[in-house]
């Protein structure tokens, strides 16, 4: 079986002063993006919004094929 990368996306969750949460999604990340870069980007989003960074979820989509 072979595995072929398709796409990577992230969802950054920030919190508000009222206790609510906001999810911001970003798609089309590079295949081999380093976790440090993802966390740095999440920090930039938090700084720009003025809301604290709560968590970041990374989604990687791959295609599986049976080898013949």
Protein backbone atom coordinates (compact mmCIF):
# COMPACT_ATOMS: atom_id res chain seq x y z
CA UNK A 1 0.00 0.00 0.00
CA UNK A 2 1.26 3.50 -0.76
CA UNK A 3 0.33 6.78 0.86
CA UNK A 4 0.34 10.07 -1.06
CA UNK A 5 0.02 13.43 0.71
CA UNK A 6 -2.86 15.59 -0.54
CA UNK A 7 -3.12 18.64 1.75
CA UNK A 8 -2.52 19.97 5.25
CA UNK A 9 -4.70 22.42 7.16
CA UNK A 10 -4.78 23.92 10.63
CA UNK A 11 -7.51 25.19 12.93
CA UNK A 12 -6.46 27.75 15.53
CA UNK A 13 -8.76 28.18 18.54
CA UNK A 14 -8.63 31.47 20.44
CA UNK A 15 -10.62 32.61 23.47
CA UNK A 16 -12.52 35.81 24.15
CA UNK A 17 -12.83 37.82 27.35
CA UNK A 18 -16.46 36.65 27.57
CA UNK A 19 -15.37 32.99 27.68
CA UNK A 20 -16.33 32.19 24.10
CA UNK A 21 -14.08 30.48 21.58
CA UNK A 22 -13.30 31.30 17.96
CA UNK A 23 -11.94 28.84 15.39
CA UNK A 24 -9.90 30.13 12.48
CA UNK A 25 -9.02 27.71 9.69
CA UNK A 26 -6.09 27.93 7.29
CA UNK A 27 -5.62 25.57 4.36
CA UNK A 28 -2.96 24.64 1.82
CA UNK A 29 0.00 24.40 4.19
CA UNK A 30 3.22 22.86 2.93
CA UNK A 31 3.55 19.10 3.21
CA UNK A 32 6.45 19.11 5.64
CA UNK A 33 5.75 22.22 7.71
CA UNK A 34 7.53 22.16 11.08
CA UNK A 35 5.43 22.20 14.28
CA UNK A 36 7.47 25.18 15.51
CA UNK A 37 6.32 27.21 12.50
CA UNK A 38 2.69 26.26 13.10
CA UNK A 39 2.89 27.39 16.75
CA UNK A 40 4.65 30.61 15.72
CA UNK A 41 1.85 31.30 13.20
CA UNK A 42 -0.78 30.60 15.89
CA UNK A 43 0.99 33.12 18.12
CA UNK A 44 0.84 35.72 15.35
CA UNK A 45 -2.91 35.09 14.90
CA UNK A 46 -3.41 35.51 18.66
CA UNK A 47 -1.41 38.74 18.64
CA UNK A 48 -3.33 40.16 15.69
CA UNK A 49 -6.73 39.30 17.17
CA UNK A 50 -5.82 40.25 20.73
CA UNK A 51 -7.22 36.91 21.92
CA UNK A 52 -5.22 34.20 23.71
CA UNK A 53 -4.27 31.06 21.76
CA UNK A 54 -6.08 28.03 23.22
CA UNK A 55 -5.17 25.15 20.89
CA UNK A 56 -4.16 24.25 17.37
CA UNK A 57 -5.37 21.22 15.40
CA UNK A 58 -3.50 19.96 12.34
CA UNK A 59 -5.33 17.94 9.68
CA UNK A 60 -3.36 16.01 7.06
CA UNK A 61 -5.22 14.45 4.13
CA UNK A 62 -3.59 11.57 2.30
CA UNK A 63 -4.60 9.21 -0.48
CA UNK A 64 -4.06 5.50 0.03
CA UNK A 65 -3.49 3.22 -2.95
CA UNK A 66 -3.04 -0.50 -3.19
CA UNK A 67 0.18 -1.38 -4.90
CA UNK A 68 -0.17 -3.75 -7.79
